[in-house]
Amino acid sequence: MTDIKITITDRDGVAHEIDAPTDMNMNLMEVVRSYELAPEGTIGICGGMAMCASCQCYVESDHVLPEMSDDEEAMLAEAFHVEDNSRLGCQLHIHPDMDGLRVTLAPEE
């Protein structure tokens, strides 16, 4: 299996069920960018270094995801619109176990 299904709700509230490759070492932020689910220049501003929170999303499904790194936790501590289910998309690498994942993009800051 090289692709999994992920549902991403964009900032306008529109849900998109997309195919995400598991064999390309992509993260969720890169998938959002490749499907153009957020306007250019509004997501992944830091290039995926956990330094800007522009890729913040809310995990809506009950998937067990990797623990947050110290960098991700620190960035979310300073970000706006943070919820208990907030994660940085750049820190969530696409993996077969994520099949069926549902996320909502956080509002722009």
Protein backbone atom coordinates (compact mmCIF):
# COMPACT_ATOMS: atom_id res chain seq x y z
CA MET A 1 0.00 0.00 0.00
CA THR A 2 1.53 3.29 -1.05
CA ASP A 3 -1.42 5.66 -0.59
CA ILE A 4 -3.75 6.24 2.34
CA LYS A 5 -6.97 8.25 2.58
CA ILE A 6 -6.91 11.40 4.68
CA THR A 7 -9.74 13.89 5.09
CA ILE A 8 -8.54 17.48 5.39
CA THR A 9 -11.02 20.24 6.14
CA ASP A 10 -9.68 23.51 4.74
CA ARG A 11 -9.97 26.95 6.34
CA ASP A 12 -13.26 27.56 4.50
CA GLY A 13 -14.81 24.48 6.13
CA VAL A 14 -14.72 22.32 2.98
CA ALA A 15 -13.71 18.68 3.56
CA HIS A 16 -11.38 17.07 1.01
CA GLU A 17 -10.76 13.31 0.99
CA ILE A 18 -7.33 12.94 -0.55
CA ASP A 19 -4.83 10.20 -1.33
CA ALA A 20 -1.58 10.69 0.57
CA PRO A 21 1.52 8.72 -0.42
CA THR A 22 3.26 6.75 2.32
CA ASP A 23 6.36 6.00 0.25
CA MET A 24 7.62 9.55 -0.35
CA ASN A 25 8.55 10.63 3.22
CA MET A 26 6.04 13.50 3.05
CA ASN A 27 4.50 15.21 6.03
CA LEU A 28 0.94 16.47 6.37
CA MET A 29 1.93 20.08 5.62
CA GLU A 30 3.52 19.00 2.33
CA VAL A 31 0.38 17.06 1.41
CA VAL A 32 -1.78 20.14 2.08
CA ARG A 33 0.53 22.22 -0.10
CA SER A 34 0.64 19.66 -2.92
CA TYR A 35 -3.17 19.53 -3.08
CA GLU A 36 -3.33 23.36 -2.79
CA LEU A 37 -5.76 23.18 0.16
CA ALA A 38 -4.47 26.49 1.56
CA PRO A 39 -3.55 29.66 -0.36
CA GLU A 40 0.09 29.92 -1.42
CA GLY A 41 2.23 31.47 1.29
CA THR A 42 -0.18 30.71 4.15
CA ILE A 43 1.03 27.25 5.17
CA GLY A 44 4.51 25.94 5.79
CA ILE A 45 6.05 29.38 5.91
CA CYS A 46 9.11 28.13 7.84
CA GLY A 47 9.58 25.22 5.44
CA GLY A 48 8.57 22.55 7.93
CA MET A 49 10.99 23.35 10.74
CA ALA A 50 8.34 23.66 13.53
CA MET A 51 9.12 27.38 13.79
CA CYS A 52 5.95 29.16 12.65
CA ALA A 53 2.72 27.17 13.36
CA SER A 54 1.27 28.14 9.95
CA CYS A 55 0.55 24.42 9.39
CA GLN A 56 -1.28 23.96 12.69
CA CYS A 57 -4.20 21.58 12.41
CA TYR A 58 -6.74 19.93 14.68
CA VAL A 59 -6.73 16.13 14.71
CA GLU A 60 -10.40 15.13 14.57
CA SER A 61 -10.00 11.34 14.48
CA ASP A 62 -8.77 9.10 17.29
CA HIS A 63 -5.54 7.99 15.61
CA VAL A 64 -2.54 7.33 17.81
CA LEU A 65 0.08 9.72 16.47
CA PRO A 66 3.77 10.06 17.37
CA GLU A 67 4.52 12.05 20.51
CA MET A 68 5.18 15.76 20.09
CA SER A 69 8.79 16.82 19.96
CA ASP A 70 10.00 19.54 22.31
CA ASP A 71 10.17 21.93 19.33
CA GLU A 72 6.55 21.23 18.33
CA GLU A 73 5.34 21.65 21.90
CA ALA A 74 7.24 24.94 22.27
CA MET A 75 5.84 26.32 19.00
CA LEU A 76 2.26 25.39 19.91
CA ALA A 77 2.75 27.05 23.32
CA GLU A 78 3.24 30.35 21.47
CA ALA A 79 0.70 29.88 18.66
CA PHE A 80 -2.82 31.27 18.32
CA HIS A 81 -6.02 29.17 18.16
CA VAL A 82 -4.39 26.21 19.94
CA GLU A 83 -6.72 23.42 21.10
CA ASP A 84 -6.07 20.16 22.96
CA ASN A 85 -5.98 18.33 19.62
CA SER A 86 -3.60 20.78 17.89
CA ARG A 87 -0.59 19.46 16.03
CA LEU A 88 1.83 20.92 13.50
CA GLY A 89 1.29 19.30 10.11
CA CYS A 90 5.00 19.53 9.33
CA GLN A 91 5.73 17.19 12.23
CA LEU A 92 3.25 14.49 11.15
CA HIS A 93 4.97 12.27 8.60
CA ILE A 94 2.56 10.27 6.45
CA HIS A 95 2.52 6.65 7.58
CA PRO A 96 0.24 3.70 6.71
CA ASP A 97 -1.18 3.76 10.27
CA MET A 98 -2.67 7.19 9.49
CA ASP A 99 -5.19 5.76 6.99
CA GLY A 100 -8.55 7.44 7.64
CA LEU A 101 -7.00 10.39 9.52
CA ARG A 102 -9.27 13.45 9.75
CA VAL A 103 -7.81 16.90 10.38
CA THR A 104 -9.01 20.50 10.16
CA LEU A 105 -6.64 23.32 9.30
CA ALA A 106 -6.40 25.94 12.04
CA PRO A 107 -7.36 29.53 11.13
CA GLU A 108 -4.65 31.81 9.76
CA GLU A 109 -3.00 34.05 12.35
